[in-house]
Amino acid sequence: MSIKAVIFDFDGVLADTERLHLRATQEALRVRGWTLDEGAYFERYLGFGDRDLIVEIARDLRESIDEGQIQAFVAAKAIRYRDLVEAGAVLYATAASCVARLGARYPLAIAS
């Protein structure tokens, strides 16, 4: 059997966006004076959308949060996440060179 093409999953294989989501979340939470460590994020909050994430964090901290504060958090987090992605911090260190080497030999695709 010979290789005809290479298909990558994107997140977790080529890119580590989850850590960018964590950093953006941590920075957006600082505005409220709240903190979130990496362990808690990956153990408790991974998989929540931004809105549900802030609601759950507030619930766990026994803090009140209104709709305006939720929207402000979601907006701040989205801006920070976009800034991190645009800064080029998204790919794993060797991902680009791997894709370049494989792309020279095979058709490539992403299925995510």
N, C-alpha and C. Protein backbone atom coordinates (compact mmCIF):
# COMPACT_ATOMS: atom_id res chain seq x y z
N MET A 1 0.84 -1.18 0.00
CA MET A 1 0.00 0.00 0.00
C MET A 1 0.89 1.25 0.00
N SER A 2 0.66 2.12 -0.93
CA SER A 2 1.45 3.35 -0.99
C SER A 2 0.60 4.54 -0.54
N ILE A 3 1.29 5.54 -0.07
CA ILE A 3 0.61 6.76 0.39
C ILE A 3 0.21 7.58 -0.83
N LYS A 4 -1.06 7.95 -0.88
CA LYS A 4 -1.58 8.76 -1.99
C LYS A 4 -1.72 10.22 -1.60
N ALA A 5 -1.99 10.47 -0.33
CA ALA A 5 -2.18 11.84 0.17
C ALA A 5 -2.06 11.80 1.69
N VAL A 6 -1.94 12.97 2.28
CA VAL A 6 -1.88 13.09 3.74
C VAL A 6 -3.00 14.03 4.18
N ILE A 7 -3.80 13.56 5.12
CA ILE A 7 -4.89 14.35 5.67
C ILE A 7 -4.61 14.61 7.13
N PHE A 8 -4.58 15.86 7.51
CA PHE A 8 -4.31 16.26 8.89
C PHE A 8 -5.60 16.66 9.59
N ASP A 9 -5.68 16.36 10.85
CA ASP A 9 -6.62 17.06 11.72
C ASP A 9 -5.89 18.35 12.08
N PHE A 10 -6.58 19.42 12.29
CA PHE A 10 -5.90 20.68 12.55
C PHE A 10 -5.59 20.89 14.03
N ASP A 11 -6.61 21.03 14.82
CA ASP A 11 -6.40 21.36 16.23
C ASP A 11 -5.94 20.13 17.01
N GLY A 12 -4.81 20.27 17.65
CA GLY A 12 -4.23 19.17 18.40
C GLY A 12 -3.18 18.41 17.62
N VAL A 13 -3.15 18.59 16.30
CA VAL A 13 -2.14 17.94 15.47
C VAL A 13 -1.18 18.99 14.90
N LEU A 14 -1.73 19.98 14.21
CA LEU A 14 -0.91 21.06 13.67
C LEU A 14 -0.91 22.28 14.57
N ALA A 15 -2.02 22.52 15.22
CA ALA A 15 -2.19 23.74 16.02
C ALA A 15 -2.58 23.40 17.45
N ASP A 16 -2.14 24.25 18.34
CA ASP A 16 -2.49 24.11 19.76
C ASP A 16 -3.35 25.30 20.17
N THR A 17 -4.57 25.35 19.64
CA THR A 17 -5.42 26.49 19.94
C THR A 17 -5.99 26.45 21.34
N GLU A 18 -6.03 25.29 21.95
CA GLU A 18 -6.61 25.20 23.29
C GLU A 18 -5.83 26.04 24.29
N ARG A 19 -4.52 26.05 24.18
CA ARG A 19 -3.71 26.89 25.10
C ARG A 19 -3.91 28.38 24.80
N LEU A 20 -4.21 28.70 23.54
CA LEU A 20 -4.52 30.09 23.22
C LEU A 20 -5.86 30.48 23.83
N HIS A 21 -6.83 29.57 23.76
CA HIS A 21 -8.12 29.83 24.42
C HIS A 21 -7.91 30.03 25.92
N LEU A 22 -7.07 29.21 26.52
CA LEU A 22 -6.78 29.36 27.95
C LEU A 22 -6.18 30.73 28.24
N ARG A 23 -5.15 31.12 27.49
CA ARG A 23 -4.51 32.41 27.73
C ARG A 23 -5.49 33.57 27.56
N ALA A 24 -6.29 33.51 26.50
CA ALA A 24 -7.27 34.57 26.26
C ALA A 24 -8.30 34.62 27.39
N THR A 25 -8.72 33.47 27.85
CA THR A 25 -9.68 33.39 28.96
C THR A 25 -9.08 33.97 30.22
N GLN A 26 -7.85 33.58 30.54
CA GLN A 26 -7.19 34.09 31.74
C GLN A 26 -7.09 35.61 31.71
N GLU A 27 -6.74 36.15 30.56
CA GLU A 27 -6.59 37.60 30.45
C GLU A 27 -7.94 38.31 30.56
N ALA A 28 -8.98 37.74 29.99
CA ALA A 28 -10.31 38.34 30.09
C ALA A 28 -10.84 38.26 31.53
N LEU A 29 -10.49 37.21 32.24
CA LEU A 29 -10.94 37.07 33.64
C LEU A 29 -10.24 38.06 34.57
N ARG A 30 -9.02 38.43 34.25
CA ARG A 30 -8.26 39.35 35.11
C ARG A 30 -8.98 40.68 35.30
N VAL A 31 -9.76 41.08 34.32
CA VAL A 31 -10.52 42.34 34.41
C VAL A 31 -11.43 42.30 35.64
N ARG A 32 -11.95 41.12 35.95
CA ARG A 32 -12.83 40.95 37.11
C ARG A 32 -12.03 40.62 38.38
N GLY A 33 -10.73 40.44 38.23
CA GLY A 33 -9.91 40.05 39.37
C GLY A 33 -9.95 38.55 39.64
N TRP A 34 -10.42 37.79 38.67
CA TRP A 34 -10.51 36.34 38.80
C TRP A 34 -9.30 35.70 38.13
N THR A 35 -8.93 34.53 38.62
CA THR A 35 -7.84 33.78 38.02
C THR A 35 -8.33 32.39 37.64
N LEU A 36 -7.64 31.78 36.72
CA LEU A 36 -7.95 30.43 36.28
C LEU A 36 -6.64 29.74 35.96
N ASP A 37 -6.33 28.66 36.68
CA ASP A 37 -5.08 27.97 36.40
C ASP A 37 -5.31 26.91 35.32
N GLU A 38 -4.22 26.51 34.72
CA GLU A 38 -4.27 25.57 33.60
C GLU A 38 -4.94 24.25 33.98
N GLY A 39 -4.61 23.73 35.16
CA GLY A 39 -5.19 22.46 35.59
C GLY A 39 -6.71 22.52 35.67
N ALA A 40 -7.22 23.58 36.28
CA ALA A 40 -8.67 23.73 36.40
C ALA A 40 -9.31 23.88 35.03
N TYR A 41 -8.67 24.63 34.15
CA TYR A 41 -9.21 24.82 32.81
C TYR A 41 -9.37 23.48 32.10
N PHE A 42 -8.32 22.68 32.08
CA PHE A 42 -8.36 21.42 31.35
C PHE A 42 -9.20 20.36 32.05
N GLU A 43 -9.27 20.40 33.36
CA GLU A 43 -10.05 19.39 34.10
C GLU A 43 -11.53 19.73 34.19
N ARG A 44 -11.86 21.02 34.32
CA ARG A 44 -13.23 21.40 34.62
C ARG A 44 -13.95 22.10 33.47
N TYR A 45 -13.25 22.96 32.75
CA TYR A 45 -13.92 23.86 31.82
C TYR A 45 -13.71 23.58 30.34
N LEU A 46 -12.81 22.68 30.01
CA LEU A 46 -12.55 22.36 28.61
C LEU A 46 -13.84 21.90 27.94
N GLY A 47 -14.12 22.44 26.80
CA GLY A 47 -15.31 22.03 26.06
C GLY A 47 -16.48 22.99 26.18
N PHE A 48 -16.44 23.89 27.16
CA PHE A 48 -17.50 24.88 27.28
C PHE A 48 -17.30 25.97 26.23
N GLY A 49 -18.38 26.47 25.66
CA GLY A 49 -18.31 27.67 24.85
C GLY A 49 -18.03 28.85 25.77
N ASP A 50 -17.66 29.98 25.21
CA ASP A 50 -17.26 31.13 26.02
C ASP A 50 -18.34 31.58 27.00
N ARG A 51 -19.56 31.66 26.54
CA ARG A 51 -20.65 32.12 27.41
C ARG A 51 -20.84 31.16 28.58
N ASP A 52 -20.96 29.88 28.28
CA ASP A 52 -21.16 28.89 29.35
C ASP A 52 -19.95 28.81 30.27
N LEU A 53 -18.77 29.03 29.71
CA LEU A 53 -17.55 29.00 30.52
C LEU A 53 -17.59 30.05 31.62
N ILE A 54 -17.89 31.29 31.27
CA ILE A 54 -17.91 32.35 32.27
C ILE A 54 -19.03 32.14 33.28
N VAL A 55 -20.15 31.62 32.82
CA VAL A 55 -21.25 31.33 33.75
C VAL A 55 -20.83 30.26 34.75
N GLU A 56 -20.17 29.22 34.28
CA GLU A 56 -19.72 28.14 35.17
C GLU A 56 -18.64 28.62 36.14
N ILE A 57 -17.72 29.41 35.64
CA ILE A 57 -16.67 29.94 36.53
C ILE A 57 -17.30 30.81 37.61
N ALA A 58 -18.21 31.68 37.23
CA ALA A 58 -18.89 32.53 38.22
C ALA A 58 -19.63 31.67 39.24
N ARG A 59 -20.31 30.64 38.77
CA ARG A 59 -21.03 29.74 39.67
C ARG A 59 -20.06 29.05 40.64
N ASP A 60 -18.95 28.56 40.12
CA ASP A 60 -17.97 27.89 40.96
C ASP A 60 -17.33 28.83 41.98
N LEU A 61 -17.18 30.10 41.61
CA LEU A 61 -16.61 31.09 42.53
C LEU A 61 -17.68 31.71 43.44
N ARG A 62 -18.93 31.34 43.21
CA ARG A 62 -20.07 31.89 43.95
C ARG A 62 -20.13 33.40 43.82
N GLU A 63 -19.91 33.82 42.58
CA GLU A 63 -19.95 35.24 42.23
C GLU A 63 -21.16 35.47 41.33
N SER A 64 -21.73 36.64 41.41
CA SER A 64 -22.83 36.97 40.51
C SER A 64 -22.25 37.59 39.24
N ILE A 65 -22.97 37.36 38.16
CA ILE A 65 -22.55 37.93 36.88
C ILE A 65 -23.81 38.18 36.06
N ASP A 66 -23.93 39.37 35.51
CA ASP A 66 -25.13 39.68 34.74
C ASP A 66 -24.85 39.54 33.24
N GLU A 67 -25.90 39.69 32.46
CA GLU A 67 -25.78 39.47 31.01
C GLU A 67 -24.78 40.43 30.37
N GLY A 68 -24.75 41.67 30.81
CA GLY A 68 -23.79 42.63 30.26
C GLY A 68 -22.35 42.21 30.55
N GLN A 69 -22.11 41.71 31.75
CA GLN A 69 -20.76 41.26 32.10
C GLN A 69 -20.38 40.01 31.31
N ILE A 70 -21.35 39.14 31.09
CA ILE A 70 -21.09 37.95 30.28
C ILE A 70 -20.70 38.37 28.87
N GLN A 71 -21.46 39.27 28.28
CA GLN A 71 -21.17 39.73 26.92
C GLN A 71 -19.82 40.43 26.85
N ALA A 72 -19.49 41.21 27.88
CA ALA A 72 -18.20 41.90 27.90
C ALA A 72 -17.05 40.89 27.97
N PHE A 73 -17.21 39.85 28.78
CA PHE A 73 -16.19 38.81 28.87
C PHE A 73 -16.01 38.12 27.51
N VAL A 74 -17.12 37.71 26.91
CA VAL A 74 -17.07 37.00 25.62
C VAL A 74 -16.37 37.87 24.58
N ALA A 75 -16.70 39.15 24.53
CA ALA A 75 -16.08 40.06 23.56
C ALA A 75 -14.59 40.23 23.83
N ALA A 76 -14.22 40.44 25.09
CA ALA A 76 -12.82 40.63 25.45
C ALA A 76 -12.00 39.38 25.15
N LYS A 77 -12.56 38.24 25.46
CA LYS A 77 -11.86 36.98 25.21
C LYS A 77 -11.66 36.77 23.72
N ALA A 78 -12.68 37.07 22.92
CA ALA A 78 -12.59 36.90 21.46
C ALA A 78 -11.51 37.80 20.86
N ILE A 79 -11.44 39.03 21.33
CA ILE A 79 -10.42 39.97 20.84
C ILE A 79 -9.03 39.46 21.19
N ARG A 80 -8.86 39.04 22.42
CA ARG A 80 -7.54 38.55 22.85
C ARG A 80 -7.15 37.28 22.10
N TYR A 81 -8.11 36.38 21.90
CA TYR A 81 -7.83 35.15 21.15
C TYR A 81 -7.39 35.47 19.73
N ARG A 82 -8.12 36.37 19.08
CA ARG A 82 -7.77 36.78 17.71
C ARG A 82 -6.35 37.36 17.67
N ASP A 83 -6.03 38.20 18.66
CA ASP A 83 -4.69 38.79 18.72
C ASP A 83 -3.61 37.71 18.86
N LEU A 84 -3.87 36.71 19.68
CA LEU A 84 -2.90 35.63 19.85
C LEU A 84 -2.71 34.82 18.57
N VAL A 85 -3.81 34.52 17.89
CA VAL A 85 -3.72 33.78 16.62
C VAL A 85 -2.97 34.60 15.59
N GLU A 86 -3.29 35.88 15.49
CA GLU A 86 -2.62 36.74 14.51
C GLU A 86 -1.14 36.93 14.81
N ALA A 87 -0.76 36.77 16.07
CA ALA A 87 0.66 36.89 16.44
C ALA A 87 1.45 35.66 16.00
N GLY A 88 0.75 34.64 15.51
CA GLY A 88 1.43 33.46 14.98
C GLY A 88 1.75 32.40 16.01
N ALA A 89 1.12 32.47 17.14
CA ALA A 89 1.43 31.54 18.22
C ALA A 89 0.59 30.27 18.17
N VAL A 90 -0.01 29.96 17.05
CA VAL A 90 -0.99 28.88 17.01
C VAL A 90 -0.39 27.52 16.64
N LEU A 91 0.57 27.46 15.74
CA LEU A 91 1.11 26.18 15.28
C LEU A 91 2.11 25.59 16.27
N TYR A 92 2.11 24.26 16.35
CA TYR A 92 3.17 23.59 17.09
C TYR A 92 4.50 23.91 16.41
N ALA A 93 5.58 23.85 17.16
CA ALA A 93 6.89 24.30 16.67
C ALA A 93 7.33 23.63 15.37
N THR A 94 7.05 22.36 15.20
CA THR A 94 7.52 21.65 14.01
C THR A 94 6.45 21.45 12.95
N ALA A 95 5.27 21.99 13.17
CA ALA A 95 4.15 21.73 12.24
C ALA A 95 4.42 22.28 10.84
N ALA A 96 4.87 23.50 10.74
CA ALA A 96 5.07 24.11 9.42
C ALA A 96 6.11 23.34 8.60
N SER A 97 7.20 22.97 9.22
CA SER A 97 8.23 22.23 8.46
C SER A 97 7.73 20.84 8.07
N CYS A 98 6.95 20.22 8.92
CA CYS A 98 6.37 18.91 8.60
C CYS A 98 5.45 19.02 7.40
N VAL A 99 4.58 20.01 7.42
CA VAL A 99 3.65 20.21 6.31
C VAL A 99 4.42 20.52 5.02
N ALA A 100 5.45 21.32 5.12
CA ALA A 100 6.25 21.65 3.93
C ALA A 100 6.92 20.41 3.35
N ARG A 101 7.51 19.59 4.20
CA ARG A 101 8.17 18.36 3.72
C ARG A 101 7.17 17.40 3.08
N LEU A 102 6.05 17.18 3.75
CA LEU A 102 5.05 16.27 3.21
C LEU A 102 4.39 16.85 1.96
N GLY A 103 4.19 18.17 1.94
CA GLY A 103 3.57 18.82 0.79
C GLY A 103 4.42 18.74 -0.47
N ALA A 104 5.72 18.58 -0.30
CA ALA A 104 6.60 18.44 -1.45
C ALA A 104 6.43 17.07 -2.12
N ARG A 105 5.85 16.11 -1.39
CA ARG A 105 5.73 14.75 -1.92
C ARG A 105 4.30 14.29 -2.17
N TYR A 106 3.34 14.85 -1.39
CA TYR A 106 1.97 14.34 -1.41
C TYR A 106 0.96 15.49 -1.46
N PRO A 107 -0.22 15.22 -2.01
CA PRO A 107 -1.31 16.17 -1.84
C PRO A 107 -1.69 16.22 -0.36
N LEU A 108 -2.03 17.40 0.14
CA LEU A 108 -2.36 17.57 1.55
C LEU A 108 -3.78 18.08 1.70
N ALA A 109 -4.38 17.75 2.85
CA ALA A 109 -5.71 18.26 3.16
C ALA A 109 -5.85 18.35 4.68
N ILE A 110 -6.83 19.13 5.10
CA ILE A 110 -7.18 19.21 6.53
C ILE A 110 -8.62 18.77 6.66
N ALA A 111 -8.87 17.86 7.58
CA ALA A 111 -10.23 17.42 7.92
C ALA A 111 -10.38 17.65 9.40
N SER A 112 -11.19 18.61 9.75
CA SER A 112 -11.28 18.96 11.17
C SER A 112 -12.70 19.05 11.63
